[in-house]
C-alpha atoms as a PDB file:
ATOM      1  CA  MET A   1       6.278  32.111 -10.976  1.00  0.00           C
ATOM      2  CA  SER A   2       3.619  33.284  -8.536  1.00  0.00           C
ATOM      3  CA  LYS A   3       2.754  35.571  -5.769  1.00  0.00           C
ATOM      4  CA  SER A   4       2.857  35.830  -2.125  1.00  0.00           C
ATOM      5  CA  LYS A   5       3.003  37.952   0.532  1.00  0.00           C
ATOM      6  CA  ASP A   6       6.004  39.571   1.894  1.00  0.00           C
ATOM      7  CA  VAL A   7       6.527  40.646   5.649  1.00  0.00           C
ATOM      8  CA  GLY A   8       4.802  43.747   5.253  1.00  0.00           C
ATOM      9  CA  GLY A   9       1.467  41.570   4.038  1.00  0.00           C
ATOM     10  CA  ARG A  10       1.943  43.258   0.785  1.00  0.00           C
ATOM     11  CA  ALA A  11       2.553  41.082  -2.590  1.00  0.00           C
ATOM     12  CA  SER A  12       5.802  39.548  -4.033  1.00  0.00           C
ATOM     13  CA  ILE A  13       6.763  37.951  -6.915  1.00  0.00           C
ATOM     14  CA  GLU A  14       8.603  34.254  -5.968  1.00  0.00           C
ATOM     15  CA  ALA A  15      11.508  33.370  -7.975  1.00  0.00           C
ATOM     16  CA  LYS A  16      10.375  29.871  -9.472  1.00  0.00           C
ATOM     17  CA  PRO A  17      12.910  29.153 -11.864  1.00  0.00           C
ATOM     18  CA  GLY A  18      12.808  26.450 -14.279  1.00  0.00           C
ATOM     19  CA  LEU A  19      16.198  23.893 -13.074  1.00  0.00           C
ATOM     20  CA  ASP A  20      14.988  20.901 -14.229  1.00  0.00           C
ATOM     21  CA  LEU A  21      16.857  21.128 -17.970  1.00  0.00           C
ATOM     22  CA  LYS A  22      19.351  23.301 -16.432  1.00  0.00           C
ATOM     23  CA  ASN A  23      20.394  20.629 -13.831  1.00  0.00           C
ATOM     24  CA  ALA A  24      20.301  17.971 -16.093  1.00  0.00           C
ATOM     25  CA  VAL A  25      22.968  19.267 -18.728  1.00  0.00           C
ATOM     26  CA  ARG A  26      24.783  20.208 -15.713  1.00  0.00           C
ATOM     27  CA  GLN A  27      25.420  15.999 -14.780  1.00  0.00           C
ATOM     28  CA  LEU A  28      26.819  16.001 -18.016  1.00  0.00           C
ATOM     29  CA  LEU A  29      29.737  18.779 -17.409  1.00  0.00           C
ATOM     30  CA  PRO A  30      33.437  17.635 -16.297  1.00  0.00           C
ATOM     31  CA  ARG A  31      33.820  17.470 -12.722  1.00  0.00           C
ATOM     32  CA  ARG A  32      37.267  17.558 -12.764  1.00  0.00           C
ATOM     33  CA  LEU A  33      38.310  20.585 -11.224  1.00  0.00           C
ATOM     34  CA  GLY A  34      41.165  22.958 -12.042  1.00  0.00           C
ATOM     35  CA  PRO A  35      42.417  26.340 -13.566  1.00  0.00           C
ATOM     36  CA  HIS A  36      40.032  27.820 -15.868  1.00  0.00           C
ATOM     37  CA  ARG A  37      40.553  31.119 -17.880  1.00  0.00           C
ATOM     38  CA  ILE A  38      36.919  33.284 -17.497  1.00  0.00           C
ATOM     39  CA  LEU A  39      36.021  33.489 -21.040  1.00  0.00           C
ATOM     40  CA  ALA A  40      33.923  37.050 -20.791  1.00  0.00           C
ATOM     41  CA  GLY A  41      32.339  39.400 -19.024  1.00  0.00           C
ATOM     42  CA  PRO A  42      33.640  42.120 -16.661  1.00  0.00           C
ATOM     43  CA  LEU A  43      36.045  39.341 -15.146  1.00  0.00           C
ATOM     44  CA  ARG A  44      37.257  38.266 -18.536  1.00  0.00           C
ATOM     45  CA  GLY A  45      40.921  36.895 -18.549  1.00  0.00           C
ATOM     46  CA  ARG A  46      40.793  36.347 -14.679  1.00  0.00           C
ATOM     47  CA  ARG A  47      41.546  32.844 -13.719  1.00  0.00           C
ATOM     48  CA  ILE A  48      39.275  30.764 -11.135  1.00  0.00           C
ATOM     49  CA  PHE A  49      39.885  27.124 -10.017  1.00  0.00           C
ATOM     50  CA  THR A  50      36.743  25.424 -10.120  1.00  0.00           C
ATOM     51  CA  SER A  51      35.225  22.943 -12.410  1.00  0.00           C
ATOM     52  CA  TRP A  52      32.581  22.979 -15.428  1.00  0.00           C
ATOM     53  CA  HIS A  53      29.993  21.001 -13.573  1.00  0.00           C
ATOM     54  CA  ASP A  54      30.032  23.002 -10.486  1.00  0.00           C
ATOM     55  CA  TYR A  55      30.397  26.360 -11.511  1.00  0.00           C
ATOM     56  CA  PRO A  56      29.917  26.968 -15.369  1.00  0.00           C
ATOM     57  CA  ALA A  57      28.307  30.524 -15.109  1.00  0.00           C
ATOM     58  CA  ALA A  58      31.716  31.708 -13.250  1.00  0.00           C
ATOM     59  CA  ILE A  59      34.019  30.200 -16.426  1.00  0.00           C
ATOM     60  CA  LEU A  60      31.654  31.664 -18.679  1.00  0.00           C
ATOM     61  CA  GLY A  61      31.351  35.039 -17.005  1.00  0.00           C
ATOM     62  CA  ARG A  62      27.575  34.896 -17.032  1.00  0.00           C
ATOM     63  CA  THR A  63      27.167  35.116 -13.092  1.00  0.00           C
ATOM     64  CA  GLU A  64      26.190  37.512 -10.639  1.00  0.00           C
ATOM     65  CA  VAL A  65      26.420  40.583 -13.200  1.00  0.00           C
ATOM     66  CA  ALA A  66      23.836  42.512 -11.022  1.00  0.00           C
ATOM     67  CA  LEU A  67      26.426  41.913  -7.556  1.00  0.00           C
ATOM     68  CA  ILE A  68      29.555  42.655 -10.009  1.00  0.00           C
ATOM     69  CA  ASN A  69      27.927  46.143 -10.979  1.00  0.00           C
ATOM     70  CA  TRP A  70      27.297  46.733  -7.733  1.00  0.00           C
ATOM     71  CA  LEU A  71      30.618  46.630  -6.376  1.00  0.00           C
ATOM     72  CA  ARG A  72      32.038  48.362  -9.459  1.00  0.00           C
ATOM     73  CA  ARG A  73      30.201  51.261  -8.248  1.00  0.00           C
ATOM     74  CA  ASN A  74      30.545  50.803  -4.770  1.00  0.00           C
ATOM     75  CA  VAL A  75      33.957  49.421  -3.684  1.00  0.00           C
ATOM     76  CA  SER A  76      36.804  51.898  -4.133  1.00  0.00           C
ATOM     77  CA  PRO A  77      41.064  51.225  -3.932  1.00  0.00           C
ATOM     78  CA  GLY A  78      42.496  50.760  -0.784  1.00  0.00           C
ATOM     79  CA  GLU A  79      39.556  49.633   1.103  1.00  0.00           C
ATOM     80  CA  THR A  80      38.931  46.553   3.443  1.00  0.00           C
ATOM     81  CA  TRP A  81      36.212  44.191   2.231  1.00  0.00           C
ATOM     82  CA  LEU A  82      34.768  40.733   3.808  1.00  0.00           C
ATOM     83  CA  ASP A  83      33.284  37.999   1.534  1.00  0.00           C
ATOM     84  CA  ILE A  84      31.357  35.788   3.606  1.00  0.00           C
ATOM     85  CA  GLY A  85      30.235  32.992   2.145  1.00  0.00           C
ATOM     86  CA  ALA A  86      33.093  33.214  -0.771  1.00  0.00           C
ATOM     87  CA  HIS A  87      32.951  29.737  -2.581  1.00  0.00           C
ATOM     88  CA  TYR A  88      35.686  29.529  -5.412  1.00  0.00           C
ATOM     89  CA  GLY A  89      36.198  33.464  -5.532  1.00  0.00           C
ATOM     90  CA  TYR A  90      34.272  35.028  -8.388  1.00  0.00           C
ATOM     91  CA  THR A  91      33.326  37.723  -6.340  1.00  0.00           C
ATOM     92  CA  ALA A  92      36.416  37.698  -4.218  1.00  0.00           C
ATOM     93  CA  ILE A  93      38.231  38.269  -7.672  1.00  0.00           C
ATOM     94  CA  ALA A  94      35.909  41.620  -8.534  1.00  0.00           C
ATOM     95  CA  ILE A  95      36.740  42.713  -5.263  1.00  0.00           C
ATOM     96  CA  CYS A  96      40.562  42.186  -5.352  1.00  0.00           C
ATOM     97  CA  GLU A  97      40.901  44.144  -8.861  1.00  0.00           C
ATOM     98  CA  LEU A  98      38.640  46.839  -7.321  1.00  0.00           C
ATOM     99  CA  VAL A  99      40.649  47.605  -4.090  1.00  0.00           C
ATOM    100  CA  GLY A 100      43.943  46.966  -5.548  1.00  0.00           C
ATOM    101  CA  PRO A 101      47.004  45.967  -4.566  1.00  0.00           C
ATOM    102  CA  HIS A 102      46.712  48.134  -0.978  1.00  0.00           C
ATOM    103  CA  GLY A 103      43.325  47.037  -0.314  1.00  0.00           C
ATOM    104  CA  ARG A 104      42.164  44.518   1.779  1.00  0.00           C
ATOM    105  CA  VAL A 105      39.783  41.305   1.127  1.00  0.00           C
ATOM    106  CA  PHE A 106      38.949  38.685   3.898  1.00  0.00           C
ATOM    107  CA  ALA A 107      37.016  35.652   2.012  1.00  0.00           C
ATOM    108  CA  PHE A 108      35.849  33.436   4.306  1.00  0.00           C
ATOM    109  CA  GLU A 109      34.965  29.596   2.876  1.00  0.00           C
ATOM    110  CA  PRO A 110      33.980  27.148   5.607  1.00  0.00           C
ATOM    111  CA  LEU A 111      34.356  24.179   3.690  1.00  0.00           C
ATOM    112  CA  LEU A 112      37.914  23.125   3.605  1.00  0.00           C
ATOM    113  CA  ALA A 113      38.342  21.887  -0.107  1.00  0.00           C
ATOM    114  CA  THR A 114      36.356  24.953  -1.407  1.00  0.00           C
ATOM    115  CA  ALA A 115      39.006  27.374   0.903  1.00  0.00           C
ATOM    116  CA  GLY A 116      42.377  25.096  -0.434  1.00  0.00           C
ATOM    117  CA  TYR A 117      40.881  25.832  -4.056  1.00  0.00           C
ATOM    118  CA  LEU A 118      40.245  29.357  -3.413  1.00  0.00           C
ATOM    119  CA  SER A 119      43.770  29.936  -2.270  1.00  0.00           C
ATOM    120  CA  LEU A 120      44.580  28.617  -5.857  1.00  0.00           C
ATOM    121  CA  THR A 121      42.606  31.319  -7.372  1.00  0.00           C
ATOM    122  CA  ARG A 122      44.117  33.675  -5.216  1.00  0.00           C
ATOM    123  CA  ASP A 123      48.116  32.453  -6.722  1.00  0.00           C
ATOM    124  CA  LEU A 124      46.825  32.068  -9.875  1.00  0.00           C
ATOM    125  CA  ASN A 125      45.320  35.829  -9.939  1.00  0.00           C
ATOM    126  CA  ALA A 126      48.716  36.943  -7.863  1.00  0.00           C
ATOM    127  CA  PHE A 127      46.215  38.410  -4.923  1.00  0.00           C
ATOM    128  CA  GLN A 128      48.697  39.196  -2.209  1.00  0.00           C
ATOM    129  CA  GLN A 129      45.347  41.295  -1.075  1.00  0.00           C
ATOM    130  CA  LEU A 130      43.287  38.405  -0.201  1.00  0.00           C
ATOM    131  CA  THR A 131      43.292  36.729   2.738  1.00  0.00           C
ATOM    132  CA  ILE A 132      41.609  33.263   2.869  1.00  0.00           C
ATOM    133  CA  VAL A 133      40.016  32.426   6.242  1.00  0.00           C
ATOM    134  CA  PRO A 134      38.752  28.539   6.553  1.00  0.00           C
ATOM    135  CA  PHE A 135      35.779  28.508   8.260  1.00  0.00           C
ATOM    136  CA  GLY A 136      31.945  30.377   8.563  1.00  0.00           C
ATOM    137  CA  LEU A 137      30.541  32.877  10.622  1.00  0.00           C
ATOM    138  CA  ASP A 138      27.892  32.751  13.365  1.00  0.00           C
ATOM    139  CA  ASP A 139      27.245  34.607  16.594  1.00  0.00           C
ATOM    140  CA  SER A 140      29.269  31.697  18.437  1.00  0.00           C
ATOM    141  CA  THR A 141      31.646  33.370  21.227  1.00  0.00           C
ATOM    142  CA  SER A 142      33.979  30.680  20.339  1.00  0.00           C
ATOM    143  CA  MET A 143      34.713  27.941  17.711  1.00  0.00           C
ATOM    144  CA  ARG A 144      32.014  25.061  16.941  1.00  0.00           C
ATOM    145  CA  THR A 145      31.441  22.203  14.610  1.00  0.00           C
ATOM    146  CA  LEU A 146      28.704  21.690  12.151  1.00  0.00           C
ATOM    147  CA  GLN A 147      27.904  19.057   9.866  1.00  0.00           C
ATOM    148  CA  VAL A 148      26.643  20.091   6.872  1.00  0.00           C
ATOM    149  CA  ALA A 149      25.710  18.292   3.542  1.00  0.00           C
ATOM    150  CA  THR A 150      27.738  19.522   0.283  1.00  0.00           C
ATOM    151  CA  ARG A 151      27.051  20.845  -3.006  1.00  0.00           C
ATOM    152  CA  ARG A 152      29.169  21.697  -6.339  1.00  0.00           C
ATOM    153  CA  GLY A 153      31.618  23.133  -3.524  1.00  0.00           C
ATOM    154  CA  MET A 154      28.794  24.825  -1.341  1.00  0.00           C
ATOM    155  CA  ALA A 155      27.990  23.987   2.158  1.00  0.00           C
ATOM    156  CA  THR A 156      24.004  23.304   2.595  1.00  0.00           C
ATOM    157  CA  PRO A 157      22.146  22.658   5.710  1.00  0.00           C
ATOM    158  CA  LEU A 158      21.120  18.911   6.194  1.00  0.00           C
ATOM    159  CA  GLU A 159      17.886  18.246   5.282  1.00  0.00           C
ATOM    160  CA  GLY A 160      15.700  15.044   6.354  1.00  0.00           C
ATOM    161  CA  ASP A 161      17.679  11.778   6.214  1.00  0.00           C
ATOM    162  CA  VAL A 162      20.708  12.875   4.314  1.00  0.00           C
ATOM    163  CA  ALA A 163      24.069  11.842   6.083  1.00  0.00           C
ATOM    164  CA  PRO A 164      26.594  14.163   7.268  1.00  0.00           C
ATOM    165  CA  HIS A 165      29.010  15.065   4.224  1.00  0.00           C
ATOM    166  CA  ASN A 166      31.105  17.314   5.918  1.00  0.00           C
ATOM    167  CA  THR A 167      32.158  18.987   9.324  1.00  0.00           C
ATOM    168  CA  ILE A 168      32.862  22.802   9.073  1.00  0.00           C
ATOM    169  CA  TYR A 169      34.303  25.460  11.524  1.00  0.00           C
ATOM    170  CA  LEU A 170      31.999  28.143  13.033  1.00  0.00           C
ATOM    171  CA  THR A 171      32.489  31.366  15.149  1.00  0.00           C
ATOM    172  CA  GLY A 172      31.265  34.630  15.801  1.00  0.00           C
ATOM    173  CA  PHE A 173      33.111  37.832  14.003  1.00  0.00           C
ATOM    174  CA  GLU A 174      33.671  39.413  17.180  1.00  0.00           C
ATOM    175  CA  ALA A 175      36.116  36.125  18.521  1.00  0.00           C
ATOM    176  CA  VAL A 176      38.145  36.830  15.509  1.00  0.00           C
ATOM    177  CA  TRP A 177      38.592  39.919  13.696  1.00  0.00           C
ATOM    178  CA  ASP A 178      40.741  41.833  16.448  1.00  0.00           C
ATOM    179  CA  MET A 179      43.376  38.820  15.018  1.00  0.00           C
ATOM    180  CA  LEU A 180      42.703  39.390  11.307  1.00  0.00           C
ATOM    181  CA  ALA A 181      42.447  43.026  11.057  1.00  0.00           C
ATOM    182  CA  ASP A 182      45.961  43.422  12.787  1.00  0.00           C
ATOM    183  CA  GLY A 183      45.536  46.267  13.828  1.00  0.00           C
ATOM    184  CA  ASP A 184      43.508  48.178  11.478  1.00  0.00           C
ATOM    185  CA  PRO A 185      39.647  46.986  12.183  1.00  0.00           C
ATOM    186  CA  ALA A 186      37.796  49.013   9.870  1.00  0.00           C
ATOM    187  CA  ILE A 187      35.578  47.462   7.585  1.00  0.00           C
ATOM    188  CA  HIS A 188      34.352  49.698   4.083  1.00  0.00           C
ATOM    189  CA  GLY A 189      32.320  46.616   2.783  1.00  0.00           C
ATOM    190  CA  VAL A 190      30.448  43.275   3.368  1.00  0.00           C
ATOM    191  CA  LYS A 191      28.969  40.935   0.784  1.00  0.00           C
ATOM    192  CA  MET A 192      27.679  37.963   2.640  1.00  0.00           C
ATOM    193  CA  ASP A 193      26.128  34.835   0.912  1.00  0.00           C
ATOM    194  CA  VAL A 194      25.659  32.256   3.534  1.00  0.00           C
ATOM    195  CA  GLN A 195      23.293  29.374   2.340  1.00  0.00           C
ATOM    196  CA  GLY A 196      20.834  30.112   5.001  1.00  0.00           C
ATOM    197  CA  MET A 197      23.113  31.556   8.280  1.00  0.00           C
ATOM    198  CA  GLU A 198      22.499  35.389   7.537  1.00  0.00           C
ATOM    199  CA  ILE A 199      20.841  36.113  10.625  1.00  0.00           C
ATOM    200  CA  ALA A 200      23.682  34.459  12.855  1.00  0.00           C
ATOM    201  CA  ALA A 201      26.411  35.715  10.984  1.00  0.00           C
ATOM    202  CA  LEU A 202      24.756  39.327  10.838  1.00  0.00           C
ATOM    203  CA  ARG A 203      24.177  39.326  15.069  1.00  0.00           C
ATOM    204  CA  GLY A 204      27.880  38.283  15.555  1.00  0.00           C
ATOM    205  CA  MET A 205      28.923  41.188  13.642  1.00  0.00           C
ATOM    206  CA  GLU A 206      26.525  43.534  15.342  1.00  0.00           C
ATOM    207  CA  ARG A 207      29.740  45.801  17.301  1.00  0.00           C
ATOM    208  CA  TRP A 208      31.465  46.069  13.717  1.00  0.00           C
ATOM    209  CA  LEU A 209      28.779  46.359  12.206  1.00  0.00           C
ATOM    210  CA  ASN A 210      26.925  49.931  14.031  1.00  0.00           C
ATOM    211  CA  ARG A 211      31.024  51.150  14.721  1.00  0.00           C
ATOM    212  CA  PHE A 212      31.902  51.281  10.953  1.00  0.00           C
ATOM    213  CA  HIS A 213      28.691  50.827   8.836  1.00  0.00           C
ATOM    214  CA  PRO A 214      30.088  49.110   5.935  1.00  0.00           C
ATOM    215  CA  LYS A 215      28.426  49.055   2.579  1.00  0.00           C
ATOM    216  CA  LEU A 216      26.448  45.652   3.056  1.00  0.00           C
ATOM    217  CA  VAL A 217      24.956  43.211   0.751  1.00  0.00           C
ATOM    218  CA  VAL A 218      23.187  39.716   1.186  1.00  0.00           C
ATOM    219  CA  GLU A 219      21.881  37.076  -0.429  1.00  0.00           C
ATOM    220  CA  ILE A 220      18.769  35.583   1.065  1.00  0.00           C
ATOM    221  CA  HIS A 221      18.311  31.858   1.364  1.00  0.00           C
ATOM    222  CA  PRO A 222      15.231  29.615   1.381  1.00  0.00           C
ATOM    223  CA  GLY A 223      13.864  28.876   5.440  1.00  0.00           C
ATOM    224  CA  VAL A 224      15.689  32.422   6.507  1.00  0.00           C
ATOM    225  CA  ASP A 225      12.641  33.813   8.785  1.00  0.00           C
ATOM    226  CA  ARG A 226      11.901  37.066   7.008  1.00  0.00           C
ATOM    227  CA  PRO A 227      10.821  39.353   9.933  1.00  0.00           C
ATOM    228  CA  THR A 228      13.410  38.493  12.204  1.00  0.00           C
ATOM    229  CA  PHE A 229      16.315  38.819   9.784  1.00  0.00           C
ATOM    230  CA  LEU A 230      14.836  42.619   9.374  1.00  0.00           C
ATOM    231  CA  SER A 231      14.563  42.719  12.695  1.00  0.00           C
ATOM    232  CA  THR A 232      18.655  41.476  12.691  1.00  0.00           C
ATOM    233  CA  VAL A 233      19.530  43.920   9.566  1.00  0.00           C
ATOM    234  CA  ALA A 234      18.128  46.843  11.758  1.00  0.00           C
ATOM    235  CA  ASP A 235      19.885  46.109  15.265  1.00  0.00           C
ATOM    236  CA  VAL A 236      23.063  45.725  13.638  1.00  0.00           C
ATOM    237  CA  GLY A 237      22.664  49.431  12.325  1.00  0.00           C
ATOM    238  CA  TYR A 238      21.062  49.687   9.084  1.00  0.00           C
ATOM    239  CA  GLU A 239      17.514  50.321   7.480  1.00  0.00           C
ATOM    240  CA  PRO A 240      15.224  47.375   7.318  1.00  0.00           C
ATOM    241  CA  THR A 241      14.250  48.417   3.724  1.00  0.00           C
ATOM    242  CA  GLY A 242      16.640  46.760   1.553  1.00  0.00           C
ATOM    243  CA  MET A 243      17.031  47.481  -2.133  1.00  0.00           C
ATOM    244  CA  THR A 244      17.144  44.480  -4.448  1.00  0.00           C
ATOM    245  CA  LEU A 245      20.082  44.175  -6.991  1.00  0.00           C
ATOM    246  CA  ASP A 246      18.127  42.943  -9.490  1.00  0.00           C
ATOM    247  CA  PRO A 247      14.090  42.956  -9.134  1.00  0.00           C
ATOM    248  CA  LEU A 248      12.078  40.491 -10.879  1.00  0.00           C
ATOM    249  CA  PRO A 249       9.288  41.711 -12.992  1.00  0.00           C
ATOM    250  CA  GLY A 250       6.646  43.018 -10.893  1.00  0.00           C
ATOM    251  CA  GLU A 251       8.876  43.420  -7.825  1.00  0.00           C
ATOM    252  CA  LEU A 252       8.295  47.155  -7.581  1.00  0.00           C
ATOM    253  CA  VAL A 253       9.041  46.881  -3.526  1.00  0.00           C
ATOM    254  CA  PRO A 254      11.928  44.652  -1.974  1.00  0.00           C
ATOM    255  CA  GLY A 255       9.975  41.227  -1.965  1.00  0.00           C
ATOM    256  CA  TYR A 256      13.024  39.499  -0.025  1.00  0.00           C
ATOM    257  CA  ILE A 257      12.622  36.507  -2.410  1.00  0.00           C
ATOM    258  CA  ASP A 258      14.909  33.103  -2.048  1.00  0.00           C
ATOM    259  CA  ASP A 259      18.516  33.428  -3.694  1.00  0.00           C
ATOM    260  CA  ARG A 260      18.178  37.174  -4.484  1.00  0.00           C
ATOM    261  CA  SER A 261      20.961  39.722  -3.116  1.00  0.00           C
ATOM    262  CA  TYR A 262      19.767  43.168  -1.436  1.00  0.00           C
ATOM    263  CA  VAL A 263      21.384  45.965  -0.364  1.00  0.00           C
ATOM    264  CA  PHE A 264      21.173  47.914   3.052  1.00  0.00           C
ATOM    265  CA  GLU A 265      21.909  51.373   3.611  1.00  0.00           C
ATOM    266  CA  ALA A 266      23.300  51.751   7.262  1.00  0.00           C
ATOM    267  CA  SER A 267      20.974  53.711   9.539  1.00  0.00           C
END
């Protein structure tokens, strides 16, 4: 762990976890995808369609602890929430439980295979309130395609000479929400984890975020320009000073650290 300067010039903590052993162990885990019962944690007993190789922490119930705790404090029955970058659906399960059968959860997952597995997770838990949307969000005015690499069921940006592995579809939220909302456009909360597309995804939601000021939690990824990101947060109607869900030791002010989630309050 080392210190760097954050966007305001202050010292912040960079997260540099030792992943070599973790990745080595992961390679030994079964890759077969199938239904698994979550073994512990707040979602214990729920079922998720994934593999031990791709998402062992979900099966063990040890992932996204701070985020799940925040959701439990902030989601109410009957609300409408967006899970943008839903992956295999671990957080979507939590949100579905909290909004209940009279709420709505729209889970955006651009990898078609993963979206299909997410639909199986929905069926395993009988979540009629969950709608799976098989594309990603940016600030486009119409549908476009993007070549991406894939890693454990997630779309990741292509780097260097890595050959494309998948084509995903992207569009701006503005282009699709009227249709998806079906006459009830209110949004109460947004969880965003979009692997580096944060700025474009927020820009595409600007009108709706400014209109409804839903609760907003965003995971920030490597390569995202922090000043531009925070300026975009302000443009869409939120205070640009976030609150970290799970501060690292020494993170006394928000460090906007890679792969960490931050909550932003409406301005």
